[in-house]
Structure formats: C-alpha cells, structure tokens
Amino acid sequence: MIKDRRVPRGNEARIGSRLGKANIILYISIICTLFVQLTNADIGSSMRRGNYLYRKGKYEEALKKYQEALVQEPDNPKIHYNIARALYKMEQYDEAISEFQLGLLEKDKNFHANTFYNIGNCQFKKGQLNAAIESYKTTLLLNPEDTDAKQNLEFCLKVKEHLENQPQGDSLSQQQQPQPQPQPQPRKSEVSREEAARILQALKNKEKENLEKSKKKERKERVEKDW
C-alpha cells in the first residue's frame, strides 16, 4: 500500500508564513500602484488646468498649477518647460532660461530644438544678441526645417550688423540727447529691449522704402519699354 507523503508540521507552518508574506507584498504592491495612479492623475489635472490658464493669458495662475505638478514630479522636463513658458510670458527671462535648461533633460531631439529656440528668445529679450544667435543656430542644427528659428536668426544677424555699422553713440532716430556726464557704451553684442524694438522698426521702414523704390523703378522701366 502506497502512503501519501505528509508534509511535516514544521514545514506547514513555514509555508503558511510564506503565504502570509506574499499577501503582504501583494497588498503593498497594490497600494503603491494606486498611489502612483492617483499621483499621475493629480499631475495630469494640474497640467491640463495650467495649459488652459496659459491659453487664456493667465500666466501667473498657470505657473502656480505647473508648480503644483512639479512638487509631485520634480524631475519631469516637460513640467519645467511649461514653467519656463509661463515665466517668459511674465518677462522673467533669467528664471525662464534656468527652467528651459532643466527641460533639456528630455531626450527627444525636437524637444531640445524647441527648448533652444525659446532660450534664444529669452536671450534676445535680454539684449544678448550673440547668445541668442548661438541658440538659434543650435535649434537649426537639431531641426533644420524650423522656419521660425531661421527668421529669428536672420533678424538677430541684421540687428548685429546694424549695431556694428552704427557709429558709437548714434541712435536710430538720429536725435541725441545731451548727457551731463559721459556714459559707458554697451558692448556691440548687447542691445536693450527698447533699442531692439527701434532697430526692428527701422529695418522694417528701410525694407519698405527699398520696396517702394523698387516698384517705382519697375514702373519707370515699363513706361520706357512701352514707348
């Protein structure tokens, strides 16, 4: 007669103990999963609300929502990127650059291109022409099809050329205000936001003037040809 092999009582106790530990581990795993899901839901909710406020032009409120999301996930490059965008709109360019740089932790190439583009915009707003030019060049290395970066780069190069060809101390309006004391001149690679705006308007006026001259010349050539 074949007898069943019984498990010794000591082994039964050990098996029960192992099953108990397995259940505890399972419960902990479930709790952790639920916590992660709830956290992700909170992050998603904060980001969506932040994006909504950003589109409405409520940048300070959007920033608060992005910062709420950042508390939950401080190493998320996309959250840093959105924070930087809000700071840029609030004209806090130094802080925006710092946040954009943290966004470079993202491995996506196009994301990097967009980040350098926005850093370039911040640098231009600060009057750092050379730095902005390099950022736009980096953008185009990462994404040669970025037409906005091409246009911004061309504009910055025009501004730089204009400054380099401009006599020291000359202004675009050709009107100089008397100064009680000589003031140190800014480096040619730097320009204030107000000066950049004046240069932009001057370049536009110059292009418009050249276009009008070109049209007059074409009209004149057509008349002469008809005769």
Foldseek 3Di string as FASTA:
>chain_A
DDDDDDDDPVVVVVVVVVVVVVVVVVVVVVVVVVVVVVLVVLLVVLQVVLVVCVVVVNLVSSLVSLVVSCVSPVQALVSLQSNLVSCVSVLVLVSSLVSLVSSVVDPDLLSQLVSLQVNLVSCVQQFQLVSSLVSLVSSCVSPVPPVVSVVVNVLSVVQLVVLVPDPPPAAPVRDHDDDPDDDDGDDSSGDHNVRSVSVVVSVVVVVVVVVVVVVVVVVVVVVVVVD
